[in-house]
């Protein structure tokens, strides 16, 4: 959640998240497997991500009502079952249902290779492309040493 406001300390974060979760449209979406939370995607309007608005590595391309999917988490034991795809599809649907014009993500380009769990929290270019996103711009950002891209999908 540091992308939303990096000024929030680790001690303050649980309270901050409780407030975020109690506020519509919420800070993201969950995916369940057999009534167990198996994954999470942080999806919200770009304007709510203080760190993104001030980023030197990820460009703001325009002033459209853009929502961003910045973080994916799939619990151990539930990985390699396509849950990232379900999370991204659900994130796009959530953004659309709340009026977003565009959804962006900032995934890593793996070149078809594997990415470790820590570096892959932003998703992969291939994941976003399969969901209908297009490469909009290269960034100067890196995750796990791999280049990140601005991926976009217009909804309206």
C-alpha atoms as a PDB file:
ATOM      1  CA  UNK A   1       0.000   0.000   0.000  1.00  0.00           C
ATOM      2  CA  UNK A   2       3.020   2.286  -0.062  1.00  0.00           C
ATOM      3  CA  UNK A   3       2.014   3.438  -3.549  1.00  0.00           C
ATOM      4  CA  UNK A   4      -1.055   5.122  -2.091  1.00  0.00           C
ATOM      5  CA  UNK A   5       0.782   7.167   0.508  1.00  0.00           C
ATOM      6  CA  UNK A   6       4.365   6.388   1.459  1.00  0.00           C
ATOM      7  CA  UNK A   7       4.062   8.759   4.430  1.00  0.00           C
ATOM      8  CA  UNK A   8       1.985   6.138   6.289  1.00  0.00           C
ATOM      9  CA  UNK A   9       4.276   4.277   8.691  1.00  0.00           C
ATOM     10  CA  UNK A  10       4.249   0.503   9.079  1.00  0.00           C
ATOM     11  CA  UNK A  11       2.594   0.927  12.488  1.00  0.00           C
ATOM     12  CA  UNK A  12      -0.167   3.138  11.031  1.00  0.00           C
ATOM     13  CA  UNK A  13      -0.777   0.924   7.991  1.00  0.00           C
ATOM     14  CA  UNK A  14      -3.395  -1.464   9.518  1.00  0.00           C
ATOM     15  CA  UNK A  15      -5.587   1.459  10.599  1.00  0.00           C
ATOM     16  CA  UNK A  16      -5.072   3.171   7.263  1.00  0.00           C
ATOM     17  CA  UNK A  17      -6.182   0.002   5.462  1.00  0.00           C
ATOM     18  CA  UNK A  18      -9.280  -0.372   7.661  1.00  0.00           C
ATOM     19  CA  UNK A  19     -10.348   3.135   6.636  1.00  0.00           C
ATOM     20  CA  UNK A  20      -9.590   2.410   2.959  1.00  0.00           C
ATOM     21  CA  UNK A  21     -11.610  -0.835   3.070  1.00  0.00           C
ATOM     22  CA  UNK A  22     -14.585   0.955   4.641  1.00  0.00           C
ATOM     23  CA  UNK A  23     -14.605   3.614   1.902  1.00  0.00           C
ATOM     24  CA  UNK A  24     -16.254   2.947  -1.481  1.00  0.00           C
ATOM     25  CA  UNK A  25     -15.079   1.775  -3.947  1.00  0.00           C
ATOM     26  CA  UNK A  26     -12.444   0.195  -1.687  1.00  0.00           C
ATOM     27  CA  UNK A  27      -8.727  -0.305  -2.248  1.00  0.00           C
ATOM     28  CA  UNK A  28      -8.949  -3.327  -4.517  1.00  0.00           C
ATOM     29  CA  UNK A  29     -10.482  -6.716  -5.150  1.00  0.00           C
ATOM     30  CA  UNK A  30     -10.135 -10.231  -3.773  1.00  0.00           C
ATOM     31  CA  UNK A  31     -10.283 -13.613  -5.461  1.00  0.00           C
ATOM     32  CA  UNK A  32     -11.665 -16.570  -3.538  1.00  0.00           C
ATOM     33  CA  UNK A  33     -11.098 -20.295  -3.918  1.00  0.00           C
ATOM     34  CA  UNK A  34     -13.554 -22.404  -1.919  1.00  0.00           C
ATOM     35  CA  UNK A  35     -14.446 -19.503   0.408  1.00  0.00           C
ATOM     36  CA  UNK A  36     -10.760 -18.788   1.115  1.00  0.00           C
ATOM     37  CA  UNK A  37      -9.162 -15.501   0.072  1.00  0.00           C
ATOM     38  CA  UNK A  38      -6.516 -16.669  -2.387  1.00  0.00           C
ATOM     39  CA  UNK A  39      -5.438 -13.365  -3.923  1.00  0.00           C
ATOM     40  CA  UNK A  40      -5.690  -9.594  -4.022  1.00  0.00           C
ATOM     41  CA  UNK A  41      -5.263  -6.832  -6.595  1.00  0.00           C
ATOM     42  CA  UNK A  42      -4.854  -3.180  -5.682  1.00  0.00           C
ATOM     43  CA  UNK A  43      -7.025  -1.247  -8.176  1.00  0.00           C
ATOM     44  CA  UNK A  44      -8.178   2.341  -7.711  1.00  0.00           C
ATOM     45  CA  UNK A  45      -8.141   5.747  -9.406  1.00  0.00           C
ATOM     46  CA  UNK A  46      -4.620   6.915 -10.231  1.00  0.00           C
ATOM     47  CA  UNK A  47      -5.347  10.157  -8.371  1.00  0.00           C
ATOM     48  CA  UNK A  48      -5.395   8.162  -5.113  1.00  0.00           C
ATOM     49  CA  UNK A  49      -1.826   6.929  -5.526  1.00  0.00           C
ATOM     50  CA  UNK A  50       0.319   9.748  -4.183  1.00  0.00           C
ATOM     51  CA  UNK A  51       3.573   7.944  -5.007  1.00  0.00           C
ATOM     52  CA  UNK A  52       2.533   7.377  -8.629  1.00  0.00           C
ATOM     53  CA  UNK A  53       1.572  11.005  -9.093  1.00  0.00           C
ATOM     54  CA  UNK A  54       5.108  12.006  -8.087  1.00  0.00           C
ATOM     55  CA  UNK A  55       6.934   9.151  -9.843  1.00  0.00           C
ATOM     56  CA  UNK A  56      10.095   9.915 -11.798  1.00  0.00           C
ATOM     57  CA  UNK A  57      10.022   6.498 -13.499  1.00  0.00           C
ATOM     58  CA  UNK A  58       6.377   5.959 -14.511  1.00  0.00           C
ATOM     59  CA  UNK A  59       4.954   8.677 -16.785  1.00  0.00           C
ATOM     60  CA  UNK A  60       1.427  10.069 -16.643  1.00  0.00           C
ATOM     61  CA  UNK A  61       0.249   9.866 -20.249  1.00  0.00           C
ATOM     62  CA  UNK A  62      -2.901  11.992 -20.133  1.00  0.00           C
ATOM     63  CA  UNK A  63      -5.644  13.374 -17.898  1.00  0.00           C
ATOM     64  CA  UNK A  64      -8.315  10.744 -18.600  1.00  0.00           C
ATOM     65  CA  UNK A  65     -10.108   9.087 -15.653  1.00  0.00           C
ATOM     66  CA  UNK A  66      -7.525   6.334 -15.263  1.00  0.00           C
ATOM     67  CA  UNK A  67      -7.580   3.535 -12.716  1.00  0.00           C
ATOM     68  CA  UNK A  68      -4.400   1.623 -11.997  1.00  0.00           C
ATOM     69  CA  UNK A  69      -3.691  -1.980 -11.035  1.00  0.00           C
ATOM     70  CA  UNK A  70      -0.377  -1.693  -9.220  1.00  0.00           C
ATOM     71  CA  UNK A  71      -0.073  -4.786  -7.053  1.00  0.00           C
ATOM     72  CA  UNK A  72      -1.061  -8.449  -7.266  1.00  0.00           C
ATOM     73  CA  UNK A  73      -0.719 -10.975  -4.471  1.00  0.00           C
ATOM     74  CA  UNK A  74      -1.578 -14.669  -4.776  1.00  0.00           C
ATOM     75  CA  UNK A  75      -1.164 -16.748  -1.632  1.00  0.00           C
ATOM     76  CA  UNK A  76       1.304 -19.618  -1.579  1.00  0.00           C
ATOM     77  CA  UNK A  77      -0.517 -22.826  -2.402  1.00  0.00           C
ATOM     78  CA  UNK A  78      -2.793 -21.038  -4.883  1.00  0.00           C
ATOM     79  CA  UNK A  79      -0.176 -19.976  -7.417  1.00  0.00           C
ATOM     80  CA  UNK A  80       0.025 -21.412 -10.950  1.00  0.00           C
ATOM     81  CA  UNK A  81      -3.759 -21.796 -11.193  1.00  0.00           C
ATOM     82  CA  UNK A  82      -4.548 -18.716 -13.309  1.00  0.00           C
ATOM     83  CA  UNK A  83      -5.603 -16.500 -10.414  1.00  0.00           C
ATOM     84  CA  UNK A  84      -3.593 -13.525 -11.704  1.00  0.00           C
ATOM     85  CA  UNK A  85      -5.781 -13.600 -14.831  1.00  0.00           C
ATOM     86  CA  UNK A  86      -8.935 -13.681 -12.710  1.00  0.00           C
ATOM     87  CA  UNK A  87      -7.625 -10.824 -10.581  1.00  0.00           C
ATOM     88  CA  UNK A  88      -6.821  -8.640 -13.582  1.00  0.00           C
ATOM     89  CA  UNK A  89     -10.180  -9.382 -15.230  1.00  0.00           C
ATOM     90  CA  UNK A  90     -11.947  -8.568 -11.960  1.00  0.00           C
ATOM     91  CA  UNK A  91      -9.932  -5.377 -11.543  1.00  0.00           C
ATOM     92  CA  UNK A  92     -10.942  -4.185 -15.020  1.00  0.00           C
ATOM     93  CA  UNK A  93     -14.596  -4.985 -14.304  1.00  0.00           C
ATOM     94  CA  UNK A  94     -14.417  -3.173 -10.948  1.00  0.00           C
ATOM     95  CA  UNK A  95     -12.880  -0.098 -12.574  1.00  0.00           C
ATOM     96  CA  UNK A  96     -15.481  -0.103 -15.369  1.00  0.00           C
ATOM     97  CA  UNK A  97     -18.355  -0.448 -12.880  1.00  0.00           C
ATOM     98  CA  UNK A  98     -17.014   2.588 -11.030  1.00  0.00           C
ATOM     99  CA  UNK A  99     -16.764   4.813 -14.115  1.00  0.00           C
ATOM    100  CA  UNK A 100     -13.130   4.439 -15.190  1.00  0.00           C
ATOM    101  CA  UNK A 101     -12.306   5.450 -18.758  1.00  0.00           C
ATOM    102  CA  UNK A 102      -8.949   3.657 -18.816  1.00  0.00           C
ATOM    103  CA  UNK A 103      -7.142   1.015 -16.769  1.00  0.00           C
ATOM    104  CA  UNK A 104      -3.357   1.025 -16.546  1.00  0.00           C
ATOM    105  CA  UNK A 105      -0.789  -1.351 -15.123  1.00  0.00           C
ATOM    106  CA  UNK A 106       2.986  -1.186 -14.888  1.00  0.00           C
ATOM    107  CA  UNK A 107       4.145  -4.795 -15.341  1.00  0.00           C
ATOM    108  CA  UNK A 108       7.568  -6.264 -16.054  1.00  0.00           C
ATOM    109  CA  UNK A 109       8.695  -7.511 -19.450  1.00  0.00           C
ATOM    110  CA  UNK A 110       9.986 -11.018 -18.851  1.00  0.00           C
ATOM    111  CA  UNK A 111      10.756 -11.916 -22.465  1.00  0.00           C
ATOM    112  CA  UNK A 112       8.951 -15.189 -21.874  1.00  0.00           C
ATOM    113  CA  UNK A 113      11.137 -16.041 -18.892  1.00  0.00           C
ATOM    114  CA  UNK A 114      10.102 -16.620 -15.326  1.00  0.00           C
ATOM    115  CA  UNK A 115       9.933 -13.915 -12.710  1.00  0.00           C
ATOM    116  CA  UNK A 116      10.272 -14.361  -8.959  1.00  0.00           C
ATOM    117  CA  UNK A 117       7.279 -13.711  -6.705  1.00  0.00           C
ATOM    118  CA  UNK A 118       8.686 -10.475  -5.296  1.00  0.00           C
ATOM    119  CA  UNK A 119       9.513  -8.952  -8.702  1.00  0.00           C
ATOM    120  CA  UNK A 120       6.263 -10.204 -10.210  1.00  0.00           C
ATOM    121  CA  UNK A 121       3.946  -8.377  -7.805  1.00  0.00           C
ATOM    122  CA  UNK A 122       3.319  -5.847 -10.595  1.00  0.00           C
ATOM    123  CA  UNK A 123       2.283  -8.542 -13.098  1.00  0.00           C
ATOM    124  CA  UNK A 124       3.848  -9.332 -16.449  1.00  0.00           C
ATOM    125  CA  UNK A 125       3.428  -7.729 -19.859  1.00  0.00           C
ATOM    126  CA  UNK A 126       2.135 -11.081 -21.178  1.00  0.00           C
ATOM    127  CA  UNK A 127      -0.582 -11.164 -18.488  1.00  0.00           C
ATOM    128  CA  UNK A 128      -1.776  -7.689 -19.447  1.00  0.00           C
ATOM    129  CA  UNK A 129      -1.594  -8.380 -23.193  1.00  0.00           C
ATOM    130  CA  UNK A 130      -3.766 -11.488 -22.783  1.00  0.00           C
ATOM    131  CA  UNK A 131      -6.323  -9.281 -21.028  1.00  0.00           C
ATOM    132  CA  UNK A 132      -6.465  -6.882 -23.996  1.00  0.00           C
ATOM    133  CA  UNK A 133      -4.067  -4.211 -22.742  1.00  0.00           C
ATOM    134  CA  UNK A 134      -1.640  -2.494 -25.106  1.00  0.00           C
ATOM    135  CA  UNK A 135       1.868  -1.200 -24.520  1.00  0.00           C
ATOM    136  CA  UNK A 136       1.535   2.557 -24.203  1.00  0.00           C
ATOM    137  CA  UNK A 137       5.047   3.567 -23.105  1.00  0.00           C
ATOM    138  CA  UNK A 138       8.268   2.131 -21.781  1.00  0.00           C
ATOM    139  CA  UNK A 139       9.187   3.349 -18.318  1.00  0.00           C
ATOM    140  CA  UNK A 140      12.556   3.834 -16.715  1.00  0.00           C
ATOM    141  CA  UNK A 141      11.296   1.716 -13.812  1.00  0.00           C
ATOM    142  CA  UNK A 142      12.540  -1.787 -13.123  1.00  0.00           C
ATOM    143  CA  UNK A 143      11.374  -4.691 -11.003  1.00  0.00           C
ATOM    144  CA  UNK A 144      13.820  -7.517 -10.397  1.00  0.00           C
ATOM    145  CA  UNK A 145      16.131  -5.880 -12.939  1.00  0.00           C
ATOM    146  CA  UNK A 146      13.515  -6.116 -15.691  1.00  0.00           C
ATOM    147  CA  UNK A 147      11.975  -3.192 -17.551  1.00  0.00           C
ATOM    148  CA  UNK A 148       8.446  -2.106 -16.665  1.00  0.00           C
ATOM    149  CA  UNK A 149       5.890  -0.863 -19.188  1.00  0.00           C
ATOM    150  CA  UNK A 150       2.812   1.328 -19.046  1.00  0.00           C
ATOM    151  CA  UNK A 151       0.048  -0.998 -20.269  1.00  0.00           C
ATOM    152  CA  UNK A 152      -3.365   0.510 -21.044  1.00  0.00           C
ATOM    153  CA  UNK A 153      -6.863  -0.640 -21.813  1.00  0.00           C
ATOM    154  CA  UNK A 154      -9.555   1.850 -22.828  1.00  0.00           C
ATOM    155  CA  UNK A 155     -12.967   1.077 -21.369  1.00  0.00           C
ATOM    156  CA  UNK A 156     -15.054   3.933 -22.800  1.00  0.00           C
END
